[in-house]
Amino acid sequence: MMSGKRNLTRENLEQVLNLPEEESIMAKFLRDNQIHNIAELQEIQENMPLAMMYYNQEEQSEPYLFRKISSTSTVKSVYFDSSNTNSSPSSLSSDTLDHDMNILLSLGLEGRVHFNIMLAGDSGLGKSTFIQTYLALKFFDISSSIFHEDKGIYPATKDITHNQAVKTLDNLTLLVDMVDTPGYGGDFKDIKAWINYIERFLITQIKLFYKRNSSNPETIKDDTRIHLCMYFVEGPKLKENDIYALKILQKYVNVIPILAKADICTIEEIKRFKKNIIKQAQYEDIVFFDCVSCLGSLKDELFSGPLGLSPPFAIISGITLVELNERCIYGRQYPWGIADMNNPRHCDYLLFNRFLIGYFLQSAIKSTKILSDRVFLEQSQLKKQKKESAKQQKLASRIGKAAIFPLAAAALIGYFSLKKRM
């Protein structure tokens, strides 16, 4: 049971129930549960969609179910423009990038370190928005100079797109590349066409890495390999297309499952969806990136969060920057309130953000070497086999042609010999 007062009055309840159809997620919930008064509402509040929670304007540290519908607060949705920023870490991020960099330095990392993360999965799950939000929060300072009017939902990604950011601290330069990919539900006619497209990209990045660093393998100048794949799924479980894709992706890259659209699920639904995904993966022999072994004594945090075990990490889809009473909140705005990305009862972003660079990076890079070495060897052997096969076909063709001439010559000799006798 959540603490704090409930800002839903009899009048507000009537307004909620009469919201337009496109804004009626809460209305549907109330009708489905036959909620007609505040007492009934309080009894089932733990099962409410997380989108119905928000930060109260007066006591911002306490989560509440609703903002008053009649509130006159100014709420402005904005998107982050990374071209107008400086390089200081965001004050909105709980763990700054400097903290992550210091962890990497303590692990002995130095020089240029690449961390390439690919986002993949079905269309419309918020992959592009997540990239823009994460890079904005992690690498730049959010200030009023970069507030713009809401540009709406990001258009569907048509091509593979690189989104890069750089941070230097002491003798360590971190180069992060978040690679956006088209969803398989977009322009691709089927899942096989999509996974072939992604598979070719991953193989190309591996080949490019070995080509550029073949002269001195000990000194990596430019790491083009994909070290981690954030694979976005939607509850209640993995689709057949997801299972098919994950079985292939795990051959080339470390995969972390991301449960999208957490803001329209209840806490219990999120916990159940996560368990479904893990059980399916185990049954289908899908192996996810080992987050636990990276964390040491911190590993218990993956199992003790308000939203259950992680991974999968639950995230809010369609994130915007909302300005509420001079306070900036990254999340998603609804008529009844805001789903806050930095609230651990709404999603797992804080947990994922804390561990991604400082803890997952080194292990992901090490395991990528094992995967990429195997893939490169297989591709080299495949190339040799194709070359040998082509050579054999060419030789067989020559032998075939050469065999024709003796036969033709023998036939001619026989013909003229017979003619001479006659």
Protein backbone atom coordinates (compact mmCIF):
# COMPACT_ATOMS: atom_id res chain seq x y z
CA MET A 1 0.00 0.00 0.00
CA MET A 2 1.44 3.36 -1.02
CA SER A 3 1.79 6.07 1.57
CA GLY A 4 0.52 9.60 1.17
CA LYS A 5 -2.83 11.21 0.48
CA ARG A 6 -4.90 10.54 -2.65
CA ASN A 7 -5.76 13.58 -4.72
CA LEU A 8 -8.90 12.12 -6.29
CA THR A 9 -12.20 13.77 -5.40
CA ARG A 10 -15.72 12.79 -6.37
CA GLU A 11 -15.73 15.55 -8.97
CA ASN A 12 -12.34 14.52 -10.37
CA LEU A 13 -13.43 10.90 -10.59
CA GLU A 14 -16.36 11.92 -12.77
CA GLN A 15 -14.04 13.92 -15.02
CA VAL A 16 -11.65 10.98 -15.36
CA LEU A 17 -14.47 8.64 -16.33
CA ASN A 18 -15.54 11.06 -19.07
CA LEU A 19 -12.14 11.62 -20.65
CA PRO A 20 -11.91 11.32 -24.47
CA GLU A 21 -11.29 7.81 -25.77
CA GLU A 22 -7.62 8.42 -26.59
CA GLU A 23 -7.02 9.51 -22.98
CA SER A 24 -9.06 6.82 -21.27
CA ILE A 25 -6.49 4.33 -19.95
CA MET A 26 -7.39 5.29 -16.39
CA ALA A 27 -11.09 5.43 -17.18
CA LYS A 28 -10.94 1.89 -18.56
CA PHE A 29 -9.13 0.72 -15.44
CA LEU A 30 -11.71 2.28 -13.16
CA ARG A 31 -14.62 0.87 -15.15
CA ASP A 32 -13.10 -2.61 -15.40
CA ASN A 33 -12.67 -2.68 -11.63
CA GLN A 34 -16.07 -1.05 -11.00
CA ILE A 35 -14.54 1.74 -8.93
CA HIS A 36 -17.15 4.31 -7.93
CA ASN A 37 -15.73 5.94 -4.80
CA ILE A 38 -12.48 6.71 -3.00
CA ALA A 39 -12.77 3.83 -0.51
CA GLU A 40 -12.99 1.29 -3.31
CA LEU A 41 -10.07 2.95 -5.08
CA GLN A 42 -7.80 2.69 -2.04
CA GLU A 43 -8.41 -1.04 -1.73
CA ILE A 44 -6.94 -1.86 -5.16
CA GLN A 45 -4.35 0.89 -5.61
CA GLU A 46 -1.38 -1.53 -5.58
CA ASN A 47 -2.65 -3.00 -8.85
CA MET A 48 -2.93 0.34 -10.60
CA PRO A 49 -0.92 1.04 -13.74
CA LEU A 50 2.29 2.83 -12.88
CA ALA A 51 1.32 5.62 -15.24
CA MET A 52 -1.19 6.73 -12.64
CA MET A 53 1.51 7.62 -10.12
CA TYR A 54 3.16 11.02 -10.00
CA TYR A 55 5.13 13.33 -7.76
CA ASN A 56 3.01 15.65 -5.65
CA GLN A 57 3.71 19.32 -6.27
CA GLU A 58 4.19 20.11 -2.57
CA GLU A 59 6.01 16.98 -1.35
CA GLN A 60 7.99 15.89 -4.39
CA SER A 61 9.66 12.96 -2.66
CA GLU A 62 6.36 11.08 -2.13
CA PRO A 63 4.65 9.13 -4.93
CA TYR A 64 0.92 9.71 -5.39
CA LEU A 65 -1.71 8.18 -7.57
CA PHE A 66 -3.20 11.22 -9.24
CA ARG A 67 -2.79 14.89 -9.85
CA LYS A 68 -6.04 16.81 -9.55
CA ILE A 69 -7.71 16.98 -12.93
CA SER A 70 -8.59 20.61 -12.25
CA SER A 71 -4.97 21.54 -11.56
CA THR A 72 -3.77 24.64 -13.37
CA SER A 73 -0.11 23.59 -13.31
CA THR A 74 1.83 24.32 -16.47
CA VAL A 75 3.18 21.11 -17.97
CA LYS A 76 5.45 21.48 -20.97
CA SER A 77 6.78 18.48 -22.89
CA VAL A 78 10.16 18.99 -24.53
CA TYR A 79 12.71 16.96 -26.42
CA PHE A 80 16.44 17.22 -25.90
CA ASP A 81 18.59 18.71 -28.66
CA SER A 82 22.12 17.37 -28.14
CA SER A 83 23.68 19.88 -30.54
CA ASN A 84 23.23 22.79 -28.13
CA THR A 85 24.85 21.41 -25.01
CA ASN A 86 28.10 21.42 -23.12
CA SER A 87 29.93 18.33 -21.90
CA SER A 88 29.15 18.46 -18.20
CA PRO A 89 27.23 15.53 -16.74
CA SER A 90 23.54 15.97 -16.17
CA SER A 91 22.28 17.02 -12.78
CA LEU A 92 19.19 14.91 -13.47
CA SER A 93 21.18 11.67 -13.48
CA SER A 94 21.46 9.99 -10.06
CA ASP A 95 24.92 8.57 -10.80
CA THR A 96 26.99 10.95 -12.89
CA LEU A 97 29.24 9.86 -15.69
CA ASP A 98 32.26 10.98 -13.66
CA HIS A 99 31.36 8.34 -11.08
CA ASP A 100 31.23 5.68 -13.81
CA MET A 101 34.53 6.87 -15.24
CA ASN A 102 36.21 6.63 -11.84
CA ILE A 103 35.02 3.04 -11.52
CA LEU A 104 36.53 2.24 -14.92
CA LEU A 105 39.79 3.93 -13.92
CA SER A 106 39.89 1.87 -10.73
CA LEU A 107 39.60 -1.25 -12.90
CA GLY A 108 42.72 -0.22 -14.80
CA LEU A 109 41.08 0.99 -18.00
CA GLU A 110 42.90 3.79 -19.80
CA GLY A 111 43.35 5.32 -23.23
CA ARG A 112 40.48 5.11 -25.72
CA VAL A 113 37.72 2.73 -24.64
CA HIS A 114 34.83 2.05 -27.01
CA PHE A 115 31.44 0.89 -25.76
CA ASN A 116 29.05 0.11 -28.60
CA ILE A 117 25.44 -0.65 -27.69
CA MET A 118 22.81 -1.73 -30.21
CA LEU A 119 19.09 -1.36 -29.55
CA ALA A 120 16.87 -3.88 -31.35
CA GLY A 121 13.42 -5.42 -31.25
CA ASP A 122 9.92 -4.74 -32.53
CA SER A 123 8.83 -1.34 -33.82
CA GLY A 124 7.19 1.25 -31.60
CA LEU A 125 8.76 0.28 -28.26
CA GLY A 126 10.73 3.49 -27.65
CA LYS A 127 14.25 2.53 -28.77
CA SER A 128 15.03 5.84 -30.48
CA THR A 129 13.59 7.88 -27.61
CA PHE A 130 15.60 5.91 -25.08
CA ILE A 131 18.83 6.66 -26.92
CA GLN A 132 18.18 10.39 -27.03
CA THR A 133 17.15 10.44 -23.37
CA TYR A 134 20.05 8.36 -22.11
CA LEU A 135 22.72 10.33 -23.96
CA ALA A 136 21.13 13.61 -22.88
CA LEU A 137 21.08 12.65 -19.22
CA LYS A 138 24.42 10.90 -19.14
CA PHE A 139 26.65 13.17 -21.17
CA PHE A 140 25.18 16.65 -21.10
CA ASP A 141 23.73 19.31 -18.84
CA ILE A 142 20.01 19.95 -19.23
CA SER A 143 19.37 23.69 -19.18
CA SER A 144 16.55 25.98 -20.19
CA SER A 145 18.41 26.97 -23.37
CA ILE A 146 17.64 23.59 -24.93
CA PHE A 147 13.93 23.47 -24.21
CA HIS A 148 11.90 23.13 -27.39
CA GLU A 149 8.27 22.53 -28.15
CA ASP A 150 7.17 18.91 -28.24
CA LYS A 151 8.16 17.41 -31.58
CA GLY A 152 5.83 14.47 -31.12
CA ILE A 153 6.65 10.80 -31.41
CA TYR A 154 9.92 9.95 -33.10
CA PRO A 155 9.36 8.65 -36.64
CA ALA A 156 10.05 4.98 -37.24
CA THR A 157 13.75 4.28 -37.75
CA LYS A 158 14.40 3.29 -41.38
CA ASP A 159 18.15 2.65 -41.29
CA ILE A 160 20.84 1.69 -38.82
CA THR A 161 21.86 4.93 -37.10
CA HIS A 162 24.89 5.67 -34.91
CA ASN A 163 24.50 8.07 -31.95
CA GLN A 164 27.87 8.85 -30.42
CA ALA A 165 29.11 10.62 -27.30
CA VAL A 166 32.57 11.13 -25.81
CA LYS A 167 33.80 11.74 -22.27
CA THR A 168 37.40 12.18 -21.08
CA LEU A 169 38.56 11.95 -17.48
CA ASP A 170 42.26 11.83 -16.57
CA ASN A 171 43.88 9.37 -18.98
CA LEU A 172 40.64 7.64 -19.98
CA THR A 173 38.54 8.58 -23.01
CA LEU A 174 35.19 6.83 -23.22
CA LEU A 175 33.51 6.65 -26.63
CA VAL A 176 29.91 5.46 -26.45
CA ASP A 177 28.03 4.58 -29.63
CA MET A 178 24.34 3.76 -29.25
CA VAL A 179 23.21 2.12 -32.47
CA ASP A 180 19.56 2.49 -33.38
CA THR A 181 18.06 -0.18 -35.65
CA PRO A 182 14.75 -0.46 -37.51
CA GLY A 183 12.16 -2.59 -35.74
CA TYR A 184 11.20 -5.89 -37.28
CA GLY A 185 7.56 -4.80 -37.51
CA GLY A 186 8.39 -1.95 -39.90
CA ASP A 187 9.43 -2.15 -43.55
CA PHE A 188 10.65 -5.75 -43.38
CA LYS A 189 8.29 -8.32 -44.90
CA ASP A 190 9.13 -10.95 -42.28
CA ILE A 191 11.32 -11.65 -39.27
CA LYS A 192 13.87 -13.58 -41.36
CA ALA A 193 14.52 -10.57 -43.58
CA TRP A 194 14.97 -8.38 -40.50
CA ILE A 195 17.32 -10.71 -38.64
CA ASN A 196 19.40 -11.24 -41.81
CA TYR A 197 19.76 -7.46 -42.04
CA ILE A 198 20.90 -7.19 -38.41
CA GLU A 199 23.11 -10.28 -38.70
CA ARG A 200 24.97 -8.85 -41.70
CA PHE A 201 25.54 -5.62 -39.80
CA LEU A 202 26.99 -7.42 -36.76
CA ILE A 203 29.29 -9.55 -38.93
CA THR A 204 30.43 -6.49 -40.88
CA GLN A 205 31.31 -4.66 -37.65
CA ILE A 206 33.37 -7.65 -36.48
CA LYS A 207 35.22 -7.97 -39.79
CA LEU A 208 35.91 -4.25 -39.82
CA PHE A 209 37.38 -4.45 -36.32
CA TYR A 210 39.86 -7.18 -37.25
CA LYS A 211 40.79 -5.46 -40.48
CA ARG A 212 41.59 -2.17 -38.75
CA ASN A 213 43.47 -3.74 -35.85
CA SER A 214 45.23 -6.67 -37.55
CA SER A 215 48.64 -4.97 -37.57
CA ASN A 216 48.73 -4.61 -33.77
CA PRO A 217 45.99 -6.63 -32.00
CA GLU A 218 47.25 -5.56 -28.56
CA THR A 219 46.48 -1.90 -29.24
CA ILE A 220 42.87 -1.36 -30.29
CA LYS A 221 42.60 1.86 -32.25
CA ASP A 222 39.00 1.64 -33.39
CA ASP A 223 36.59 -0.91 -31.94
CA THR A 224 33.59 -1.27 -34.25
CA ARG A 225 32.20 -4.44 -32.65
CA ILE A 226 28.83 -4.30 -30.91
CA HIS A 227 29.47 -5.13 -27.26
CA LEU A 228 25.90 -5.17 -26.00
CA CYS A 229 22.42 -5.46 -27.46
CA MET A 230 19.49 -3.99 -25.57
CA TYR A 231 16.65 -6.11 -26.93
CA PHE A 232 13.25 -4.45 -26.41
CA VAL A 233 10.23 -6.65 -25.76
CA GLU A 234 6.64 -6.04 -24.76
CA GLY A 235 4.71 -8.07 -22.22
CA PRO A 236 3.22 -10.39 -21.28
CA LYS A 237 5.89 -12.67 -22.80
CA LEU A 238 8.33 -13.12 -25.65
CA LYS A 239 6.72 -13.36 -29.08
CA GLU A 240 7.70 -16.10 -31.51
CA ASN A 241 9.56 -13.46 -33.54
CA ASP A 242 11.50 -12.41 -30.43
CA ILE A 243 12.53 -15.99 -29.70
CA TYR A 244 13.65 -16.51 -33.29
CA ALA A 245 15.66 -13.28 -33.28
CA LEU A 246 17.26 -13.82 -29.86
CA LYS A 247 18.48 -17.31 -30.78
CA ILE A 248 20.45 -15.78 -33.65
CA LEU A 249 21.56 -12.56 -31.95
CA GLN A 250 23.16 -14.38 -29.01
CA LYS A 251 25.69 -15.89 -31.44
CA TYR A 252 27.11 -12.44 -32.20
CA VAL A 253 26.49 -10.16 -29.24
CA ASN A 254 25.72 -10.00 -25.51
CA VAL A 255 22.00 -9.45 -25.04
CA ILE A 256 20.16 -7.69 -22.21
CA PRO A 257 16.34 -7.88 -22.35
CA ILE A 258 14.45 -4.60 -21.90
CA LEU A 259 10.76 -4.67 -20.95
CA ALA A 260 9.19 -1.67 -22.67
CA LYS A 261 6.00 0.23 -21.81
CA ALA A 262 6.31 -0.27 -18.07
CA ASP A 263 4.19 2.84 -17.53
CA ILE A 264 1.00 1.10 -18.69
CA CYS A 265 1.49 -1.96 -16.48
CA THR A 266 0.85 -2.60 -12.82
CA ILE A 267 3.70 -3.56 -10.51
CA GLU A 268 2.42 -7.13 -10.32
CA GLU A 269 2.13 -7.32 -14.11
CA ILE A 270 5.73 -6.18 -14.53
CA LYS A 271 6.95 -8.79 -12.07
CA ARG A 272 4.96 -11.49 -13.87
CA PHE A 273 6.12 -10.39 -17.33
CA LYS A 274 9.75 -10.49 -16.21
CA LYS A 275 9.36 -14.03 -14.88
CA ASN A 276 7.66 -15.09 -18.12
CA ILE A 277 10.55 -13.79 -20.21
CA ILE A 278 13.20 -15.50 -18.08
CA LYS A 279 11.33 -18.83 -18.12
CA GLN A 280 10.88 -18.68 -21.89
CA ALA A 281 14.54 -17.86 -22.43
CA GLN A 282 15.63 -20.80 -20.29
CA TYR A 283 13.27 -23.16 -22.11
CA GLU A 284 14.46 -21.96 -25.54
CA ASP A 285 18.18 -22.06 -24.58
CA ILE A 286 18.51 -18.30 -24.94
CA VAL A 287 21.39 -16.98 -22.84
CA PHE A 288 21.32 -13.35 -21.73
CA PHE A 289 24.31 -11.27 -20.66
CA ASP A 290 25.43 -12.23 -17.14
CA CYS A 291 24.68 -9.05 -15.20
CA VAL A 292 25.05 -10.72 -11.81
CA SER A 293 28.73 -11.65 -12.09
CA CYS A 294 29.64 -8.03 -12.91
CA LEU A 295 28.33 -6.62 -9.65
CA GLY A 296 29.95 -8.52 -6.81
CA SER A 297 28.40 -7.43 -3.52
CA LEU A 298 25.89 -5.22 -5.39
CA LYS A 299 24.23 -8.15 -7.16
CA ASP A 300 21.37 -8.30 -4.63
CA GLU A 301 20.09 -5.00 -6.01
CA LEU A 302 19.07 -6.86 -9.17
CA PHE A 303 16.62 -8.98 -7.17
CA SER A 304 15.32 -6.60 -4.50
CA GLY A 305 13.88 -3.72 -6.53
CA PRO A 306 10.23 -2.62 -6.27
CA LEU A 307 9.56 -4.10 -9.72
CA GLY A 308 11.04 -7.51 -9.06
CA LEU A 309 14.11 -9.17 -10.53
CA SER A 310 16.23 -7.53 -13.23
CA PRO A 311 17.03 -8.15 -16.02
CA PRO A 312 14.73 -7.75 -17.81
CA PHE A 313 14.94 -4.03 -17.02
CA ALA A 314 11.56 -2.31 -17.23
CA ILE A 315 11.58 1.10 -18.88
CA ILE A 316 9.09 3.82 -19.75
CA SER A 317 8.47 4.22 -23.48
CA GLY A 318 7.85 7.52 -25.25
CA ILE A 319 9.88 9.61 -22.80
CA THR A 320 9.78 13.40 -22.85
CA LEU A 321 11.18 16.06 -20.54
CA VAL A 322 8.32 17.52 -18.52
CA GLU A 323 8.59 20.84 -16.69
CA LEU A 324 6.33 20.84 -13.64
CA ASN A 325 6.41 23.86 -11.30
CA GLU A 326 10.04 24.68 -12.20
CA ARG A 327 11.01 21.04 -11.70
CA CYS A 328 12.16 18.90 -14.62
CA ILE A 329 11.00 15.31 -14.81
CA TYR A 330 11.96 12.81 -17.47
CA GLY A 331 9.04 10.50 -18.07
CA ARG A 332 5.67 10.39 -19.73
CA GLN A 333 2.77 12.72 -19.18
CA TYR A 334 -0.80 11.52 -18.91
CA PRO A 335 -3.96 13.54 -18.20
CA TRP A 336 -3.90 12.23 -14.61
CA GLY A 337 -0.20 12.67 -13.89
CA ILE A 338 3.36 11.75 -14.84
CA ALA A 339 5.18 8.43 -14.95
CA ASP A 340 8.63 9.40 -13.69
CA MET A 341 11.65 7.69 -15.22
CA ASN A 342 13.70 8.34 -12.08
CA ASN A 343 11.18 6.72 -9.75
CA PRO A 344 12.17 3.08 -9.04
CA ARG A 345 8.48 2.23 -8.49
CA HIS A 346 7.74 3.30 -12.06
CA CYS A 347 10.64 1.69 -13.95
CA ASP A 348 14.16 0.28 -13.63
CA TYR A 349 15.97 3.14 -15.35
CA LEU A 350 17.94 4.23 -12.27
CA LEU A 351 19.16 0.68 -11.74
CA PHE A 352 20.13 0.20 -15.37
CA ASN A 353 21.75 3.63 -15.58
CA ARG A 354 23.81 2.94 -12.48
CA PHE A 355 25.28 -0.32 -13.72
CA LEU A 356 25.53 -0.01 -17.52
CA ILE A 357 28.86 1.81 -17.92
CA GLY A 358 30.54 1.46 -14.54
CA TYR A 359 29.90 -2.27 -14.10
CA PHE A 360 28.68 -3.93 -17.31
CA LEU A 361 31.17 -2.34 -19.73
CA GLN A 362 34.34 -4.26 -18.90
CA SER A 363 32.64 -7.65 -18.73
CA ALA A 364 30.73 -6.98 -21.96
CA ILE A 365 33.93 -6.07 -23.80
CA LYS A 366 35.71 -9.20 -22.52
CA SER A 367 32.90 -11.54 -23.54
CA THR A 368 32.63 -9.74 -26.88
CA LYS A 369 36.18 -10.84 -27.64
CA ILE A 370 35.18 -14.48 -27.19
CA LEU A 371 32.12 -14.07 -29.41
CA SER A 372 33.85 -12.03 -32.11
CA ASP A 373 36.90 -14.32 -32.25
CA ARG A 374 34.61 -17.27 -32.90
CA VAL A 375 32.55 -15.40 -35.49
CA PHE A 376 35.65 -14.11 -37.29
CA LEU A 377 37.13 -17.62 -37.40
CA GLU A 378 33.87 -19.04 -38.76
CA GLN A 379 33.67 -16.30 -41.38
CA SER A 380 37.31 -16.86 -42.38
CA GLN A 381 36.70 -20.60 -42.74
CA LEU A 382 33.53 -19.95 -44.71
CA LYS A 383 35.45 -17.63 -47.02
CA LYS A 384 38.12 -20.30 -47.57
CA GLN A 385 35.46 -22.92 -48.27
CA LYS A 386 33.77 -20.68 -50.82
CA LYS A 387 37.11 -19.90 -52.43
CA GLU A 388 38.04 -23.60 -52.56
CA SER A 389 34.61 -24.50 -53.92
CA ALA A 390 34.92 -21.87 -56.66
CA LYS A 391 38.40 -23.18 -57.47
CA GLN A 392 37.12 -26.75 -57.74
CA GLN A 393 34.25 -25.67 -59.98
CA LYS A 394 36.63 -23.77 -62.23
CA LEU A 395 38.97 -26.77 -62.43
CA ALA A 396 36.09 -29.12 -63.19
CA SER A 397 34.96 -26.79 -65.94
CA ARG A 398 38.43 -26.80 -67.49
CA ILE A 399 38.69 -30.58 -67.28
CA GLY A 400 35.30 -30.89 -68.89
CA LYS A 401 36.31 -28.63 -71.73
CA ALA A 402 39.65 -30.42 -72.16
CA ALA A 403 37.88 -33.78 -72.32
CA ILE A 404 35.75 -32.63 -75.22
CA PHE A 405 38.71 -32.06 -77.56
CA PRO A 406 40.14 -35.65 -77.50
CA LEU A 407 36.71 -37.06 -78.06
CA ALA A 408 36.07 -34.69 -80.91
CA ALA A 409 39.50 -35.46 -82.42
CA ALA A 410 38.90 -39.21 -82.18
CA ALA A 411 35.56 -38.82 -83.85
CA LEU A 412 37.07 -36.85 -86.72
CA ILE A 413 39.89 -39.36 -87.21
CA GLY A 414 37.38 -42.18 -87.28
CA TYR A 415 35.24 -40.34 -89.76
CA PHE A 416 38.06 -39.62 -92.21
CA SER A 417 39.47 -43.15 -91.85
CA LEU A 418 36.12 -44.60 -92.77
CA LYS A 419 35.72 -42.21 -95.67
CA LYS A 420 39.18 -43.11 -97.02
CA ARG A 421 38.35 -46.83 -97.04
CA MET A 422 35.26 -46.15 -99.00
